[in-house]
Amino acid sequence: MLCLVMVRKFYRDEGMSLSAALGIQKGRIGRDVLWGLLWLFVLNVPFMAVVAGTVFALYGSDAPSAFATIFFDPESSVQMEPALLLVVSLVAVVPFMLINAPTEELVFRGYGLDGIASRWGGAAAILATSLLFGAQHILFAATVPGMLVYFIAFTVWGLCSAIIVRKQGRLLPVVIAHWIVNIMMSSPAIILPILQLTGVIPVF
């Protein structure tokens, strides 16, 4: 939220609203959604390939079993009652799903990309914002090897999305793709406790 407030201030200081920075325009939303669906596929193919390739490079023939532990640390997990888990998820996950995608895209592929490009050129801007985007996501990993995998994979995501934004000249389609990913990845945290509370699945 703080990043969103700050980037909003930066844009307002330049005389631009967030909707203008995102490229929200009447009559183009439908096309932007379709572009977002295309970029969702285009961005996730190299992302998943890099995740798999990095894990195989680290673990070789043990990679299939490593996938079960590299992104999840059982020792650091905390078991919660479904009702409490649902409350925590609603408080933490719903705001994340709503604001994370536009905030990150405005910071990295919007203000950051344009600002660096105006000083050091497009190539430097793409590289710098992609590396920073990758570095930011290492904290999402549960293990040190997972941090390396996330850094490389999210740097590739940032690289591809920055190229798309530079070529297409629009931010909103990539925001939509990012939004869909966040919803798909975060919604199980809400759905699981609901299914447990309603008795559809057992409490672990």
C-alpha atoms as a PDB file:
ATOM      1  CA  MET A   1       0.000   0.000   0.000  1.00  0.00           C
ATOM      2  CA  LEU A   2       2.839   2.379   0.854  1.00  0.00           C
ATOM      3  CA  CYS A   3       4.438   1.769  -2.548  1.00  0.00           C
ATOM      4  CA  LEU A   4       1.133   2.506  -4.267  1.00  0.00           C
ATOM      5  CA  VAL A   5       0.745   5.771  -2.345  1.00  0.00           C
ATOM      6  CA  MET A   6       4.304   6.775  -3.189  1.00  0.00           C
ATOM      7  CA  VAL A   7       4.102   5.961  -6.895  1.00  0.00           C
ATOM      8  CA  ARG A   8       0.772   7.803  -7.057  1.00  0.00           C
ATOM      9  CA  LYS A   9       2.503  10.863  -5.596  1.00  0.00           C
ATOM     10  CA  PHE A  10       5.371  10.577  -8.089  1.00  0.00           C
ATOM     11  CA  TYR A  11       2.949  10.444 -10.996  1.00  0.00           C
ATOM     12  CA  ARG A  12       0.832  13.307  -9.640  1.00  0.00           C
ATOM     13  CA  ASP A  13       3.981  15.414  -9.318  1.00  0.00           C
ATOM     14  CA  GLU A  14       4.385  14.866 -13.062  1.00  0.00           C
ATOM     15  CA  GLY A  15       0.758  15.790 -13.700  1.00  0.00           C
ATOM     16  CA  MET A  16      -0.440  12.239 -14.396  1.00  0.00           C
ATOM     17  CA  SER A  17      -3.132  10.182 -12.690  1.00  0.00           C
ATOM     18  CA  LEU A  18      -2.754   6.483 -11.929  1.00  0.00           C
ATOM     19  CA  SER A  19      -5.466   5.615 -14.435  1.00  0.00           C
ATOM     20  CA  ALA A  20      -3.560   7.477 -17.127  1.00  0.00           C
ATOM     21  CA  ALA A  21      -0.303   5.770 -16.095  1.00  0.00           C
ATOM     22  CA  LEU A  22      -2.025   2.386 -16.311  1.00  0.00           C
ATOM     23  CA  GLY A  23      -3.459   3.309 -19.688  1.00  0.00           C
ATOM     24  CA  ILE A  24      -7.098   2.792 -18.727  1.00  0.00           C
ATOM     25  CA  GLN A  25      -9.224   4.065 -21.607  1.00  0.00           C
ATOM     26  CA  LYS A  26     -12.912   3.676 -22.405  1.00  0.00           C
ATOM     27  CA  GLY A  27     -13.429   1.433 -25.379  1.00  0.00           C
ATOM     28  CA  ARG A  28     -10.105  -0.376 -24.929  1.00  0.00           C
ATOM     29  CA  ILE A  29     -10.779  -2.435 -21.810  1.00  0.00           C
ATOM     30  CA  GLY A  30     -12.000  -5.447 -23.777  1.00  0.00           C
ATOM     31  CA  ARG A  31      -8.940  -5.439 -26.016  1.00  0.00           C
ATOM     32  CA  ASP A  32      -6.669  -4.967 -23.010  1.00  0.00           C
ATOM     33  CA  VAL A  33      -8.237  -8.013 -21.335  1.00  0.00           C
ATOM     34  CA  LEU A  34      -7.598 -10.098 -24.455  1.00  0.00           C
ATOM     35  CA  TRP A  35      -4.021  -8.850 -24.640  1.00  0.00           C
ATOM     36  CA  GLY A  36      -3.677  -9.653 -20.936  1.00  0.00           C
ATOM     37  CA  LEU A  37      -4.793 -13.240 -21.543  1.00  0.00           C
ATOM     38  CA  LEU A  38      -2.232 -13.555 -24.324  1.00  0.00           C
ATOM     39  CA  TRP A  39       0.552 -12.104 -22.170  1.00  0.00           C
ATOM     40  CA  LEU A  40      -0.488 -14.425 -19.338  1.00  0.00           C
ATOM     41  CA  PHE A  41       0.463 -17.357 -21.545  1.00  0.00           C
ATOM     42  CA  VAL A  42       3.528 -15.675 -23.051  1.00  0.00           C
ATOM     43  CA  LEU A  43       4.928 -14.724 -19.645  1.00  0.00           C
ATOM     44  CA  ASN A  44       4.179 -17.971 -17.840  1.00  0.00           C
ATOM     45  CA  VAL A  45       5.773 -20.300 -20.376  1.00  0.00           C
ATOM     46  CA  PRO A  46       9.331 -18.963 -19.878  1.00  0.00           C
ATOM     47  CA  PHE A  47       8.665 -18.456 -16.159  1.00  0.00           C
ATOM     48  CA  MET A  48       7.722 -22.093 -15.590  1.00  0.00           C
ATOM     49  CA  ALA A  49      10.497 -23.289 -17.901  1.00  0.00           C
ATOM     50  CA  VAL A  50      13.067 -21.318 -15.905  1.00  0.00           C
ATOM     51  CA  VAL A  51      11.698 -22.634 -12.594  1.00  0.00           C
ATOM     52  CA  ALA A  52      11.917 -26.230 -13.823  1.00  0.00           C
ATOM     53  CA  GLY A  53      15.278 -25.711 -15.511  1.00  0.00           C
ATOM     54  CA  THR A  54      16.855 -24.082 -12.451  1.00  0.00           C
ATOM     55  CA  VAL A  55      15.625 -26.822 -10.113  1.00  0.00           C
ATOM     56  CA  PHE A  56      16.978 -29.500 -12.461  1.00  0.00           C
ATOM     57  CA  ALA A  57      20.292 -27.616 -12.714  1.00  0.00           C
ATOM     58  CA  LEU A  58      20.536 -27.540  -8.903  1.00  0.00           C
ATOM     59  CA  TYR A  59      19.394 -31.077  -8.136  1.00  0.00           C
ATOM     60  CA  GLY A  60      19.881 -33.125 -11.281  1.00  0.00           C
ATOM     61  CA  SER A  61      18.146 -36.499 -11.059  1.00  0.00           C
ATOM     62  CA  ASP A  62      16.810 -35.574  -7.587  1.00  0.00           C
ATOM     63  CA  ALA A  63      14.875 -32.612  -9.013  1.00  0.00           C
ATOM     64  CA  PRO A  64      11.421 -34.313  -9.007  1.00  0.00           C
ATOM     65  CA  SER A  65      11.612 -34.921  -5.243  1.00  0.00           C
ATOM     66  CA  ALA A  66      13.198 -31.494  -4.647  1.00  0.00           C
ATOM     67  CA  PHE A  67      10.086 -29.779  -5.992  1.00  0.00           C
ATOM     68  CA  ALA A  68       8.236 -31.033  -2.899  1.00  0.00           C
ATOM     69  CA  THR A  69      10.571 -29.271  -0.464  1.00  0.00           C
ATOM     70  CA  ILE A  70      12.319 -26.380  -2.203  1.00  0.00           C
ATOM     71  CA  PHE A  71       9.263 -24.111  -2.162  1.00  0.00           C
ATOM     72  CA  PHE A  72       7.828 -25.303   1.162  1.00  0.00           C
ATOM     73  CA  ASP A  73       9.520 -25.628   4.537  1.00  0.00           C
ATOM     74  CA  PRO A  74       7.403 -27.901   6.780  1.00  0.00           C
ATOM     75  CA  GLU A  75       9.360 -26.844   9.866  1.00  0.00           C
ATOM     76  CA  SER A  76       8.368 -23.203   9.449  1.00  0.00           C
ATOM     77  CA  SER A  77       4.712 -23.855   8.691  1.00  0.00           C
ATOM     78  CA  VAL A  78       2.109 -23.020  11.326  1.00  0.00           C
ATOM     79  CA  GLN A  79      -1.103 -24.998  11.622  1.00  0.00           C
ATOM     80  CA  MET A  80      -4.234 -22.884  12.156  1.00  0.00           C
ATOM     81  CA  GLU A  81      -7.853 -23.644  12.765  1.00  0.00           C
ATOM     82  CA  PRO A  82      -9.853 -23.167   9.528  1.00  0.00           C
ATOM     83  CA  ALA A  83     -11.834 -20.226  10.920  1.00  0.00           C
ATOM     84  CA  LEU A  84      -8.698 -18.375  11.995  1.00  0.00           C
ATOM     85  CA  LEU A  85      -6.969 -19.247   8.731  1.00  0.00           C
ATOM     86  CA  LEU A  86      -9.923 -17.840   6.795  1.00  0.00           C
ATOM     87  CA  VAL A  87      -9.832 -14.564   8.747  1.00  0.00           C
ATOM     88  CA  VAL A  88      -6.072 -14.197   8.242  1.00  0.00           C
ATOM     89  CA  SER A  89      -6.444 -14.994   4.550  1.00  0.00           C
ATOM     90  CA  LEU A  90      -9.247 -12.475   4.052  1.00  0.00           C
ATOM     91  CA  VAL A  91      -7.277  -9.758   5.835  1.00  0.00           C
ATOM     92  CA  ALA A  92      -3.957 -10.475   4.108  1.00  0.00           C
ATOM     93  CA  VAL A  93      -4.717 -12.183   0.808  1.00  0.00           C
ATOM     94  CA  VAL A  94      -7.634 -10.129  -0.516  1.00  0.00           C
ATOM     95  CA  PRO A  95      -5.753  -6.788  -0.350  1.00  0.00           C
ATOM     96  CA  PHE A  96      -2.748  -8.521  -1.921  1.00  0.00           C
ATOM     97  CA  MET A  97      -4.853  -9.789  -4.826  1.00  0.00           C
ATOM     98  CA  LEU A  98      -6.364  -6.345  -5.388  1.00  0.00           C
ATOM     99  CA  ILE A  99      -3.352  -4.027  -5.198  1.00  0.00           C
ATOM    100  CA  ASN A 100      -0.163  -6.063  -5.694  1.00  0.00           C
ATOM    101  CA  ALA A 101      -0.330  -6.406  -9.492  1.00  0.00           C
ATOM    102  CA  PRO A 102      -1.064  -2.757 -10.364  1.00  0.00           C
ATOM    103  CA  THR A 103       1.393  -1.544  -7.719  1.00  0.00           C
ATOM    104  CA  GLU A 104       4.300  -3.701  -8.907  1.00  0.00           C
ATOM    105  CA  GLU A 105       3.626  -2.929 -12.551  1.00  0.00           C
ATOM    106  CA  LEU A 106       3.389   0.811 -11.890  1.00  0.00           C
ATOM    107  CA  VAL A 107       6.631   0.735  -9.894  1.00  0.00           C
ATOM    108  CA  PHE A 108       8.704  -1.526 -12.133  1.00  0.00           C
ATOM    109  CA  ARG A 109       7.241  -1.396 -15.659  1.00  0.00           C
ATOM    110  CA  GLY A 110       5.731   2.052 -15.288  1.00  0.00           C
ATOM    111  CA  TYR A 111       7.510   4.760 -13.347  1.00  0.00           C
ATOM    112  CA  GLY A 112      10.767   2.857 -12.871  1.00  0.00           C
ATOM    113  CA  LEU A 113      11.081   1.676 -16.462  1.00  0.00           C
ATOM    114  CA  ASP A 114      10.299   5.085 -17.943  1.00  0.00           C
ATOM    115  CA  GLY A 115      12.492   6.935 -15.475  1.00  0.00           C
ATOM    116  CA  ILE A 116      15.568   4.785 -16.028  1.00  0.00           C
ATOM    117  CA  ALA A 117      15.013   4.700 -19.801  1.00  0.00           C
ATOM    118  CA  SER A 118      14.955   8.496 -19.961  1.00  0.00           C
ATOM    119  CA  ARG A 119      18.394   8.617 -18.361  1.00  0.00           C
ATOM    120  CA  TRP A 120      20.261   5.499 -19.478  1.00  0.00           C
ATOM    121  CA  GLY A 121      18.200   4.070 -22.325  1.00  0.00           C
ATOM    122  CA  GLY A 122      15.667   1.304 -22.790  1.00  0.00           C
ATOM    123  CA  ALA A 123      18.055  -1.664 -22.526  1.00  0.00           C
ATOM    124  CA  ALA A 124      19.465  -0.476 -19.190  1.00  0.00           C
ATOM    125  CA  ALA A 125      15.952   0.200 -17.912  1.00  0.00           C
ATOM    126  CA  ILE A 126      14.719  -3.272 -18.868  1.00  0.00           C
ATOM    127  CA  LEU A 127      17.720  -4.960 -17.264  1.00  0.00           C
ATOM    128  CA  ALA A 128      17.697  -2.892 -14.065  1.00  0.00           C
ATOM    129  CA  THR A 129      13.962  -3.174 -13.386  1.00  0.00           C
ATOM    130  CA  SER A 130      14.011  -6.901 -14.160  1.00  0.00           C
ATOM    131  CA  LEU A 131      16.851  -7.584 -11.715  1.00  0.00           C
ATOM    132  CA  LEU A 132      15.140  -5.504  -9.030  1.00  0.00           C
ATOM    133  CA  PHE A 133      11.862  -7.328  -9.655  1.00  0.00           C
ATOM    134  CA  GLY A 134      13.644 -10.666  -9.278  1.00  0.00           C
ATOM    135  CA  ALA A 135      15.434  -9.558  -6.106  1.00  0.00           C
ATOM    136  CA  GLN A 136      12.190  -8.401  -4.523  1.00  0.00           C
ATOM    137  CA  HIS A 137      10.632 -11.846  -4.854  1.00  0.00           C
ATOM    138  CA  ILE A 138      13.346 -13.865  -3.111  1.00  0.00           C
ATOM    139  CA  LEU A 139      11.616 -13.142   0.200  1.00  0.00           C
ATOM    140  CA  PHE A 140       8.639 -15.195  -0.995  1.00  0.00           C
ATOM    141  CA  ALA A 141      10.781 -18.348  -1.005  1.00  0.00           C
ATOM    142  CA  ALA A 142      10.851 -20.699   1.975  1.00  0.00           C
ATOM    143  CA  THR A 143      14.392 -22.009   1.411  1.00  0.00           C
ATOM    144  CA  VAL A 144      17.725 -20.666   0.156  1.00  0.00           C
ATOM    145  CA  PRO A 145      17.617 -22.757  -3.053  1.00  0.00           C
ATOM    146  CA  GLY A 146      14.068 -21.498  -3.537  1.00  0.00           C
ATOM    147  CA  MET A 147      15.353 -17.932  -3.291  1.00  0.00           C
ATOM    148  CA  LEU A 148      17.749 -18.582  -6.167  1.00  0.00           C
ATOM    149  CA  VAL A 149      15.009 -20.156  -8.264  1.00  0.00           C
ATOM    150  CA  TYR A 150      12.642 -17.272  -7.552  1.00  0.00           C
ATOM    151  CA  PHE A 151      15.293 -14.661  -8.299  1.00  0.00           C
ATOM    152  CA  ILE A 152      16.054 -16.129 -11.717  1.00  0.00           C
ATOM    153  CA  ALA A 153      12.434 -16.897 -12.612  1.00  0.00           C
ATOM    154  CA  PHE A 154      11.022 -13.530 -11.565  1.00  0.00           C
ATOM    155  CA  THR A 155      13.893 -11.725 -13.269  1.00  0.00           C
ATOM    156  CA  VAL A 156      12.893 -13.502 -16.482  1.00  0.00           C
ATOM    157  CA  TRP A 157       9.229 -12.562 -15.889  1.00  0.00           C
ATOM    158  CA  GLY A 158      10.303  -8.949 -15.361  1.00  0.00           C
ATOM    159  CA  LEU A 159      12.490  -9.006 -18.470  1.00  0.00           C
ATOM    160  CA  CYS A 160       9.733 -10.365 -20.697  1.00  0.00           C
ATOM    161  CA  SER A 161       7.042  -8.075 -19.315  1.00  0.00           C
ATOM    162  CA  ALA A 162       9.289  -5.002 -19.596  1.00  0.00           C
ATOM    163  CA  ILE A 163       9.961  -5.824 -23.246  1.00  0.00           C
ATOM    164  CA  ILE A 164       6.215  -6.234 -23.834  1.00  0.00           C
ATOM    165  CA  VAL A 165       5.427  -2.876 -22.220  1.00  0.00           C
ATOM    166  CA  ARG A 166       8.192  -1.113 -24.145  1.00  0.00           C
ATOM    167  CA  LYS A 167       7.054  -2.609 -27.455  1.00  0.00           C
ATOM    168  CA  GLN A 168       3.296  -2.314 -26.909  1.00  0.00           C
ATOM    169  CA  GLY A 169       3.448   1.052 -25.187  1.00  0.00           C
ATOM    170  CA  ARG A 170       0.715   0.051 -22.736  1.00  0.00           C
ATOM    171  CA  LEU A 171       0.851  -1.097 -19.133  1.00  0.00           C
ATOM    172  CA  LEU A 172      -2.690  -2.335 -18.494  1.00  0.00           C
ATOM    173  CA  PRO A 173      -2.490  -5.642 -20.440  1.00  0.00           C
ATOM    174  CA  VAL A 174       0.516  -6.763 -18.393  1.00  0.00           C
ATOM    175  CA  VAL A 175      -1.254  -5.640 -15.201  1.00  0.00           C
ATOM    176  CA  ILE A 176      -4.191  -7.869 -16.161  1.00  0.00           C
ATOM    177  CA  ALA A 177      -1.891 -10.846 -16.765  1.00  0.00           C
ATOM    178  CA  HIS A 178      -0.191 -10.213 -13.416  1.00  0.00           C
ATOM    179  CA  TRP A 179      -3.572  -9.881 -11.711  1.00  0.00           C
ATOM    180  CA  ILE A 180      -4.742 -13.251 -13.030  1.00  0.00           C
ATOM    181  CA  VAL A 181      -1.566 -14.953 -11.793  1.00  0.00           C
ATOM    182  CA  ASN A 182      -1.963 -13.436  -8.326  1.00  0.00           C
ATOM    183  CA  ILE A 183      -5.601 -14.506  -8.113  1.00  0.00           C
ATOM    184  CA  MET A 184      -4.810 -18.069  -9.193  1.00  0.00           C
ATOM    185  CA  MET A 185      -1.907 -18.355  -6.756  1.00  0.00           C
ATOM    186  CA  SER A 186      -3.626 -16.687  -3.780  1.00  0.00           C
ATOM    187  CA  SER A 187      -7.232 -17.875  -3.961  1.00  0.00           C
ATOM    188  CA  PRO A 188      -6.472 -21.382  -2.546  1.00  0.00           C
ATOM    189  CA  ALA A 189      -5.605 -19.683   0.765  1.00  0.00           C
ATOM    190  CA  ILE A 190      -9.240 -18.544   0.933  1.00  0.00           C
ATOM    191  CA  ILE A 191     -10.907 -21.520  -0.714  1.00  0.00           C
ATOM    192  CA  LEU A 192      -9.171 -24.186   1.410  1.00  0.00           C
ATOM    193  CA  PRO A 193     -10.433 -23.012   4.841  1.00  0.00           C
ATOM    194  CA  ILE A 194     -13.929 -22.479   3.397  1.00  0.00           C
ATOM    195  CA  LEU A 195     -13.957 -26.074   2.149  1.00  0.00           C
ATOM    196  CA  GLN A 196     -12.712 -27.240   5.549  1.00  0.00           C
ATOM    197  CA  LEU A 197     -15.327 -25.237   7.440  1.00  0.00           C
ATOM    198  CA  THR A 198     -18.129 -26.595   5.265  1.00  0.00           C
ATOM    199  CA  GLY A 199     -16.888 -30.154   5.657  1.00  0.00           C
ATOM    200  CA  VAL A 200     -16.118 -30.660   1.985  1.00  0.00           C
ATOM    201  CA  ILE A 201     -12.569 -31.647   2.846  1.00  0.00           C
ATOM    202  CA  PRO A 202     -11.146 -32.773   6.211  1.00  0.00           C
ATOM    203  CA  VAL A 203      -9.101 -30.555   8.471  1.00  0.00           C
ATOM    204  CA  PHE A 204      -5.455 -31.605   8.276  1.00  0.00           C
END
